[in-house]
């Protein structure tokens, strides 16, 4: 059961960022297990259980990032990630399709919903779906906006694809899309209530997630017909 992260969680992540090498990590392995890995896994599976109970038709599964970087893709970086994340996705899609996500790093944590995959056909079907259901999507955006300041992740096009008005343009003219809420250390992060916060946020973002699922299904149909 998740009981909260602690200041030791941030201390470990900062230390790892400054000392990203095997010797330092092994010397602080127990801190990693106690302050980060243990509560991180507990939060992931508690959140999964709650979301499965609330939305049994979605068949949610959890995917947890490992702290070890792929040795083939270090690109001059250290062998460990200085942040961890988990995602909830319907079925076994893993690195494809829409997901809910949680991420923790040295400066705080964030959560939201979006797509793993970044491809031109997903972006194309994303715009088509907005064009086909503008009222539905506008209601989704207004619901997200009502929860307070959020961040849109993903590069925008240098040349906008179309003008859909100031309200929808930031969403419409984007190569890749994920929306999230960012938080610093402290507060609910140090309490069992973080699980409630994630479930409440994911539930509020469910209309957006279902819109992404519709887009993903459009993409799969299109790819199957090629």
C-alpha atoms as a PDB file:
ATOM      1  CA  UNK A   1       0.000   0.000   0.000  1.00  0.00           C
ATOM      2  CA  UNK A   2       1.252   3.450  -0.893  1.00  0.00           C
ATOM      3  CA  UNK A   3       2.008   5.632   2.150  1.00  0.00           C
ATOM      4  CA  UNK A   4       3.675   8.579   0.446  1.00  0.00           C
ATOM      5  CA  UNK A   5       7.060   9.614  -0.843  1.00  0.00           C
ATOM      6  CA  UNK A   6       9.432  11.601   1.382  1.00  0.00           C
ATOM      7  CA  UNK A   7      12.174  14.178   1.305  1.00  0.00           C
ATOM      8  CA  UNK A   8      14.554  11.235   0.991  1.00  0.00           C
ATOM      9  CA  UNK A   9      12.983  10.537  -2.414  1.00  0.00           C
ATOM     10  CA  UNK A  10      14.048  13.923  -3.731  1.00  0.00           C
ATOM     11  CA  UNK A  11      17.458  13.655  -2.059  1.00  0.00           C
ATOM     12  CA  UNK A  12      18.098  10.347  -3.797  1.00  0.00           C
ATOM     13  CA  UNK A  13      17.001  11.636  -7.222  1.00  0.00           C
ATOM     14  CA  UNK A  14      19.142  14.765  -6.923  1.00  0.00           C
ATOM     15  CA  UNK A  15      22.097  12.696  -5.778  1.00  0.00           C
ATOM     16  CA  UNK A  16      21.685  10.350  -8.720  1.00  0.00           C
ATOM     17  CA  UNK A  17      21.461  13.247 -11.160  1.00  0.00           C
ATOM     18  CA  UNK A  18      24.776  14.578  -9.831  1.00  0.00           C
ATOM     19  CA  UNK A  19      26.450  11.160  -9.559  1.00  0.00           C
ATOM     20  CA  UNK A  20      25.057   9.043 -12.354  1.00  0.00           C
ATOM     21  CA  UNK A  21      27.447   6.123 -12.118  1.00  0.00           C
ATOM     22  CA  UNK A  22      27.362   2.534 -10.939  1.00  0.00           C
ATOM     23  CA  UNK A  23      29.551   3.083  -7.880  1.00  0.00           C
ATOM     24  CA  UNK A  24      27.302   5.795  -6.421  1.00  0.00           C
ATOM     25  CA  UNK A  25      24.125   3.893  -7.220  1.00  0.00           C
ATOM     26  CA  UNK A  26      25.310   0.679  -5.585  1.00  0.00           C
ATOM     27  CA  UNK A  27      26.381   2.611  -2.484  1.00  0.00           C
ATOM     28  CA  UNK A  28      22.872   4.082  -2.267  1.00  0.00           C
ATOM     29  CA  UNK A  29      20.916   1.031  -3.449  1.00  0.00           C
ATOM     30  CA  UNK A  30      18.970   0.685  -0.201  1.00  0.00           C
ATOM     31  CA  UNK A  31      17.947   4.359  -0.354  1.00  0.00           C
ATOM     32  CA  UNK A  32      16.691   3.729  -3.874  1.00  0.00           C
ATOM     33  CA  UNK A  33      14.600   0.773  -2.720  1.00  0.00           C
ATOM     34  CA  UNK A  34      13.193   2.452   0.384  1.00  0.00           C
ATOM     35  CA  UNK A  35      12.659   6.031  -0.775  1.00  0.00           C
ATOM     36  CA  UNK A  36      11.871   5.623  -4.470  1.00  0.00           C
ATOM     37  CA  UNK A  37      11.286   2.159  -5.892  1.00  0.00           C
ATOM     38  CA  UNK A  38       9.132   0.791  -3.082  1.00  0.00           C
ATOM     39  CA  UNK A  39       6.658   3.683  -2.859  1.00  0.00           C
ATOM     40  CA  UNK A  40       6.720   4.182  -6.642  1.00  0.00           C
ATOM     41  CA  UNK A  41       5.621   0.609  -7.306  1.00  0.00           C
ATOM     42  CA  UNK A  42       3.031   0.753  -4.532  1.00  0.00           C
ATOM     43  CA  UNK A  43       1.557   3.944  -6.005  1.00  0.00           C
ATOM     44  CA  UNK A  44       1.445   2.410  -9.485  1.00  0.00           C
ATOM     45  CA  UNK A  45      -0.385  -0.738  -8.442  1.00  0.00           C
ATOM     46  CA  UNK A  46      -2.731   1.046  -6.018  1.00  0.00           C
ATOM     47  CA  UNK A  47      -3.678   3.458  -8.805  1.00  0.00           C
ATOM     48  CA  UNK A  48      -4.118   0.592 -11.257  1.00  0.00           C
ATOM     49  CA  UNK A  49      -6.411  -1.274  -8.867  1.00  0.00           C
ATOM     50  CA  UNK A  50      -8.546   1.807  -8.305  1.00  0.00           C
ATOM     51  CA  UNK A  51      -8.827   2.600 -12.011  1.00  0.00           C
ATOM     52  CA  UNK A  52      -9.649  -1.017 -12.887  1.00  0.00           C
ATOM     53  CA  UNK A  53     -12.447  -0.965 -10.316  1.00  0.00           C
ATOM     54  CA  UNK A  54     -13.797   2.369 -11.538  1.00  0.00           C
ATOM     55  CA  UNK A  55     -13.544   1.564 -15.262  1.00  0.00           C
ATOM     56  CA  UNK A  56     -13.712  -2.227 -15.694  1.00  0.00           C
ATOM     57  CA  UNK A  57     -14.576  -1.898 -19.383  1.00  0.00           C
ATOM     58  CA  UNK A  58     -11.196  -0.302 -20.113  1.00  0.00           C
ATOM     59  CA  UNK A  59      -9.061  -3.326 -19.129  1.00  0.00           C
ATOM     60  CA  UNK A  60      -6.298  -1.110 -17.745  1.00  0.00           C
ATOM     61  CA  UNK A  61      -2.778  -2.521 -17.400  1.00  0.00           C
ATOM     62  CA  UNK A  62       0.238  -0.827 -15.863  1.00  0.00           C
ATOM     63  CA  UNK A  63       3.682  -0.346 -17.388  1.00  0.00           C
ATOM     64  CA  UNK A  64       6.523   0.755 -15.089  1.00  0.00           C
ATOM     65  CA  UNK A  65       9.718   2.381 -16.287  1.00  0.00           C
ATOM     66  CA  UNK A  66      12.929   0.795 -15.053  1.00  0.00           C
ATOM     67  CA  UNK A  67      15.612   3.001 -13.553  1.00  0.00           C
ATOM     68  CA  UNK A  68      18.257   1.334 -15.725  1.00  0.00           C
ATOM     69  CA  UNK A  69      18.796   2.950 -19.114  1.00  0.00           C
ATOM     70  CA  UNK A  70      19.194   0.777 -22.184  1.00  0.00           C
ATOM     71  CA  UNK A  71      22.963   0.369 -22.552  1.00  0.00           C
ATOM     72  CA  UNK A  72      22.557   0.664 -26.332  1.00  0.00           C
ATOM     73  CA  UNK A  73      21.005   4.136 -26.012  1.00  0.00           C
ATOM     74  CA  UNK A  74      23.072   5.978 -23.425  1.00  0.00           C
ATOM     75  CA  UNK A  75      24.229   8.697 -25.862  1.00  0.00           C
ATOM     76  CA  UNK A  76      26.773   9.992 -23.371  1.00  0.00           C
ATOM     77  CA  UNK A  77      24.392   9.856 -20.409  1.00  0.00           C
ATOM     78  CA  UNK A  78      24.796   7.863 -17.220  1.00  0.00           C
ATOM     79  CA  UNK A  79      23.419   4.333 -16.897  1.00  0.00           C
ATOM     80  CA  UNK A  80      20.435   5.354 -14.726  1.00  0.00           C
ATOM     81  CA  UNK A  81      17.336   7.476 -15.242  1.00  0.00           C
ATOM     82  CA  UNK A  82      16.997  10.379 -12.803  1.00  0.00           C
ATOM     83  CA  UNK A  83      13.192  10.209 -13.069  1.00  0.00           C
ATOM     84  CA  UNK A  84      10.678   7.379 -13.158  1.00  0.00           C
ATOM     85  CA  UNK A  85       7.212   7.048 -14.646  1.00  0.00           C
ATOM     86  CA  UNK A  86       4.407   4.587 -15.015  1.00  0.00           C
ATOM     87  CA  UNK A  87       1.538   4.460 -17.471  1.00  0.00           C
ATOM     88  CA  UNK A  88      -1.942   2.964 -17.462  1.00  0.00           C
ATOM     89  CA  UNK A  89      -3.141   1.741 -20.832  1.00  0.00           C
ATOM     90  CA  UNK A  90      -6.038  -0.344 -22.051  1.00  0.00           C
ATOM     91  CA  UNK A  91      -4.950  -3.900 -22.741  1.00  0.00           C
ATOM     92  CA  UNK A  92      -1.386  -4.722 -23.761  1.00  0.00           C
ATOM     93  CA  UNK A  93      -0.632  -1.764 -26.010  1.00  0.00           C
ATOM     94  CA  UNK A  94       2.448  -0.778 -23.997  1.00  0.00           C
ATOM     95  CA  UNK A  95       4.329   1.778 -26.100  1.00  0.00           C
ATOM     96  CA  UNK A  96       1.453   2.404 -28.498  1.00  0.00           C
ATOM     97  CA  UNK A  97      -1.793   4.267 -28.257  1.00  0.00           C
ATOM     98  CA  UNK A  98      -3.109   6.561 -25.502  1.00  0.00           C
ATOM     99  CA  UNK A  99      -2.261   6.282 -21.820  1.00  0.00           C
ATOM    100  CA  UNK A 100      -2.506   7.928 -18.434  1.00  0.00           C
ATOM    101  CA  UNK A 101       0.873   8.670 -16.877  1.00  0.00           C
ATOM    102  CA  UNK A 102       2.629   9.637 -13.662  1.00  0.00           C
ATOM    103  CA  UNK A 103       6.231  10.845 -13.484  1.00  0.00           C
ATOM    104  CA  UNK A 104       8.513  11.748 -10.587  1.00  0.00           C
ATOM    105  CA  UNK A 105      11.885  13.487 -10.761  1.00  0.00           C
ATOM    106  CA  UNK A 106      14.219  15.566  -8.663  1.00  0.00           C
ATOM    107  CA  UNK A 107      12.058  18.696  -8.758  1.00  0.00           C
ATOM    108  CA  UNK A 108       8.607  17.203  -8.276  1.00  0.00           C
ATOM    109  CA  UNK A 109       5.977  15.110 -10.002  1.00  0.00           C
ATOM    110  CA  UNK A 110       3.445  15.359 -12.791  1.00  0.00           C
ATOM    111  CA  UNK A 111       0.550  13.358 -14.174  1.00  0.00           C
ATOM    112  CA  UNK A 112      -1.692  13.479 -17.204  1.00  0.00           C
ATOM    113  CA  UNK A 113      -2.847  11.718 -20.346  1.00  0.00           C
ATOM    114  CA  UNK A 114      -1.572  11.519 -23.901  1.00  0.00           C
ATOM    115  CA  UNK A 115      -0.039   9.360 -26.622  1.00  0.00           C
ATOM    116  CA  UNK A 116       3.192   7.410 -26.454  1.00  0.00           C
ATOM    117  CA  UNK A 117       3.722   7.225 -30.178  1.00  0.00           C
ATOM    118  CA  UNK A 118       4.614  10.289 -32.229  1.00  0.00           C
ATOM    119  CA  UNK A 119       3.789   9.808 -35.912  1.00  0.00           C
ATOM    120  CA  UNK A 120       2.353  11.791 -38.795  1.00  0.00           C
ATOM    121  CA  UNK A 121      -0.681   9.551 -39.266  1.00  0.00           C
ATOM    122  CA  UNK A 122      -1.713   9.901 -35.618  1.00  0.00           C
ATOM    123  CA  UNK A 123      -1.487  13.691 -35.899  1.00  0.00           C
ATOM    124  CA  UNK A 124      -3.514  13.593 -39.110  1.00  0.00           C
ATOM    125  CA  UNK A 125      -6.274  11.506 -37.561  1.00  0.00           C
ATOM    126  CA  UNK A 126      -6.153  13.713 -34.478  1.00  0.00           C
ATOM    127  CA  UNK A 127      -7.024  16.742 -36.609  1.00  0.00           C
ATOM    128  CA  UNK A 128      -9.669  14.816 -38.541  1.00  0.00           C
ATOM    129  CA  UNK A 129     -11.395  13.754 -35.344  1.00  0.00           C
ATOM    130  CA  UNK A 130     -11.422  17.320 -34.000  1.00  0.00           C
ATOM    131  CA  UNK A 131     -12.860  18.531 -37.309  1.00  0.00           C
ATOM    132  CA  UNK A 132     -15.540  15.840 -37.178  1.00  0.00           C
ATOM    133  CA  UNK A 133     -16.498  16.461 -33.534  1.00  0.00           C
ATOM    134  CA  UNK A 134     -15.569  20.061 -32.670  1.00  0.00           C
ATOM    135  CA  UNK A 135     -18.263  20.471 -30.012  1.00  0.00           C
ATOM    136  CA  UNK A 136     -17.196  17.283 -28.230  1.00  0.00           C
ATOM    137  CA  UNK A 137     -13.556  18.290 -28.231  1.00  0.00           C
ATOM    138  CA  UNK A 138     -14.241  21.850 -27.124  1.00  0.00           C
ATOM    139  CA  UNK A 139     -16.186  20.477 -24.143  1.00  0.00           C
ATOM    140  CA  UNK A 140     -13.214  18.238 -23.307  1.00  0.00           C
ATOM    141  CA  UNK A 141     -10.793  21.172 -23.390  1.00  0.00           C
ATOM    142  CA  UNK A 142     -13.088  23.305 -21.241  1.00  0.00           C
ATOM    143  CA  UNK A 143     -13.232  20.511 -18.687  1.00  0.00           C
ATOM    144  CA  UNK A 144      -9.432  20.322 -18.570  1.00  0.00           C
ATOM    145  CA  UNK A 145      -9.159  24.105 -18.342  1.00  0.00           C
ATOM    146  CA  UNK A 146     -11.587  24.183 -15.419  1.00  0.00           C
ATOM    147  CA  UNK A 147      -9.194  22.101 -13.295  1.00  0.00           C
ATOM    148  CA  UNK A 148      -6.563  24.826 -13.309  1.00  0.00           C
ATOM    149  CA  UNK A 149      -3.219  25.476 -15.010  1.00  0.00           C
ATOM    150  CA  UNK A 150      -2.060  22.610 -17.201  1.00  0.00           C
ATOM    151  CA  UNK A 151       0.806  21.979 -19.616  1.00  0.00           C
ATOM    152  CA  UNK A 152       0.507  20.886 -23.226  1.00  0.00           C
ATOM    153  CA  UNK A 153       3.479  18.742 -24.212  1.00  0.00           C
ATOM    154  CA  UNK A 154       4.563  18.126 -27.792  1.00  0.00           C
ATOM    155  CA  UNK A 155       6.046  20.201 -30.594  1.00  0.00           C
ATOM    156  CA  UNK A 156       3.836  22.527 -32.583  1.00  0.00           C
ATOM    157  CA  UNK A 157       4.034  22.869 -36.352  1.00  0.00           C
ATOM    158  CA  UNK A 158       6.118  25.745 -37.644  1.00  0.00           C
ATOM    159  CA  UNK A 159       3.357  26.278 -40.174  1.00  0.00           C
ATOM    160  CA  UNK A 160      -0.065  25.673 -38.610  1.00  0.00           C
ATOM    161  CA  UNK A 161      -2.212  23.125 -40.394  1.00  0.00           C
ATOM    162  CA  UNK A 162      -5.341  25.250 -40.021  1.00  0.00           C
ATOM    163  CA  UNK A 163      -6.890  28.030 -37.978  1.00  0.00           C
ATOM    164  CA  UNK A 164      -9.430  26.624 -35.549  1.00  0.00           C
ATOM    165  CA  UNK A 165      -9.535  29.692 -33.317  1.00  0.00           C
ATOM    166  CA  UNK A 166      -7.452  30.765 -30.349  1.00  0.00           C
ATOM    167  CA  UNK A 167      -9.140  28.264 -28.049  1.00  0.00           C
ATOM    168  CA  UNK A 168      -8.423  25.107 -30.078  1.00  0.00           C
ATOM    169  CA  UNK A 169      -5.330  26.090 -32.084  1.00  0.00           C
ATOM    170  CA  UNK A 170      -2.813  25.093 -29.358  1.00  0.00           C
ATOM    171  CA  UNK A 171      -4.329  21.593 -29.402  1.00  0.00           C
ATOM    172  CA  UNK A 172      -5.018  21.273 -33.104  1.00  0.00           C
ATOM    173  CA  UNK A 173      -1.646  22.386 -34.492  1.00  0.00           C
ATOM    174  CA  UNK A 174       0.598  20.025 -32.557  1.00  0.00           C
ATOM    175  CA  UNK A 175       2.724  17.139 -33.827  1.00  0.00           C
ATOM    176  CA  UNK A 176       2.377  15.156 -30.632  1.00  0.00           C
ATOM    177  CA  UNK A 177       0.030  15.680 -27.732  1.00  0.00           C
ATOM    178  CA  UNK A 178      -0.004  15.042 -24.038  1.00  0.00           C
ATOM    179  CA  UNK A 179      -1.620  17.160 -21.324  1.00  0.00           C
ATOM    180  CA  UNK A 180      -0.514  17.186 -17.716  1.00  0.00           C
ATOM    181  CA  UNK A 181      -0.440  18.927 -14.369  1.00  0.00           C
ATOM    182  CA  UNK A 182       2.917  19.638 -12.707  1.00  0.00           C
ATOM    183  CA  UNK A 183       3.577  19.776  -8.951  1.00  0.00           C
ATOM    184  CA  UNK A 184       6.578  20.429  -6.730  1.00  0.00           C
ATOM    185  CA  UNK A 185       7.769  18.352  -3.808  1.00  0.00           C
ATOM    186  CA  UNK A 186       5.752  18.377  -0.606  1.00  0.00           C
ATOM    187  CA  UNK A 187       2.066  18.372   0.226  1.00  0.00           C
ATOM    188  CA  UNK A 188       0.060  15.419  -1.018  1.00  0.00           C
ATOM    189  CA  UNK A 189       3.175  13.828  -2.496  1.00  0.00           C
ATOM    190  CA  UNK A 190       4.214  12.889   1.035  1.00  0.00           C
ATOM    191  CA  UNK A 191       0.846  11.351   1.908  1.00  0.00           C
ATOM    192  CA  UNK A 192      -1.249   8.298   0.979  1.00  0.00           C
ATOM    193  CA  UNK A 193      -3.702  10.752  -0.588  1.00  0.00           C
ATOM    194  CA  UNK A 194      -1.531  10.999  -3.698  1.00  0.00           C
ATOM    195  CA  UNK A 195      -3.329   7.896  -4.954  1.00  0.00           C
ATOM    196  CA  UNK A 196      -6.649   9.733  -4.613  1.00  0.00           C
ATOM    197  CA  UNK A 197      -5.202  12.708  -6.465  1.00  0.00           C
ATOM    198  CA  UNK A 198      -4.072  10.545  -9.381  1.00  0.00           C
ATOM    199  CA  UNK A 199      -7.366   8.685  -9.607  1.00  0.00           C
ATOM    200  CA  UNK A 200      -9.322  11.963  -9.453  1.00  0.00           C
ATOM    201  CA  UNK A 201      -7.127  13.513 -12.157  1.00  0.00           C
ATOM    202  CA  UNK A 202      -7.269  10.479 -14.435  1.00  0.00           C
ATOM    203  CA  UNK A 203     -11.027  10.275 -13.985  1.00  0.00           C
ATOM    204  CA  UNK A 204     -11.384  13.938 -14.926  1.00  0.00           C
ATOM    205  CA  UNK A 205      -9.201  13.315 -17.992  1.00  0.00           C
ATOM    206  CA  UNK A 206     -11.191  10.246 -19.045  1.00  0.00           C
ATOM    207  CA  UNK A 207     -13.135  12.136 -21.783  1.00  0.00           C
ATOM    208  CA  UNK A 208      -9.800  13.224 -23.261  1.00  0.00           C
ATOM    209  CA  UNK A 209      -8.416   9.684 -23.000  1.00  0.00           C
ATOM    210  CA  UNK A 210     -11.498   8.256 -24.735  1.00  0.00           C
ATOM    211  CA  UNK A 211     -11.109  10.833 -27.504  1.00  0.00           C
ATOM    212  CA  UNK A 212      -7.521   9.656 -27.945  1.00  0.00           C
ATOM    213  CA  UNK A 213      -8.754   6.057 -28.016  1.00  0.00           C
ATOM    214  CA  UNK A 214     -11.125   6.965 -30.866  1.00  0.00           C
ATOM    215  CA  UNK A 215      -8.236   8.586 -32.728  1.00  0.00           C
ATOM    216  CA  UNK A 216      -6.076   5.507 -32.144  1.00  0.00           C
ATOM    217  CA  UNK A 217      -8.794   3.206 -33.461  1.00  0.00           C
ATOM    218  CA  UNK A 218      -9.018   5.389 -36.595  1.00  0.00           C
ATOM    219  CA  UNK A 219      -5.251   5.019 -37.002  1.00  0.00           C
ATOM    220  CA  UNK A 220      -5.375   1.229 -36.623  1.00  0.00           C
ATOM    221  CA  UNK A 221      -8.139   0.938 -39.243  1.00  0.00           C
ATOM    222  CA  UNK A 222      -6.184   3.128 -41.611  1.00  0.00           C
ATOM    223  CA  UNK A 223      -2.948   1.184 -41.123  1.00  0.00           C
ATOM    224  CA  UNK A 224      -4.710  -2.149 -41.628  1.00  0.00           C
ATOM    225  CA  UNK A 225      -6.053  -0.959 -44.962  1.00  0.00           C
ATOM    226  CA  UNK A 226      -2.696   0.051 -46.401  1.00  0.00           C
END
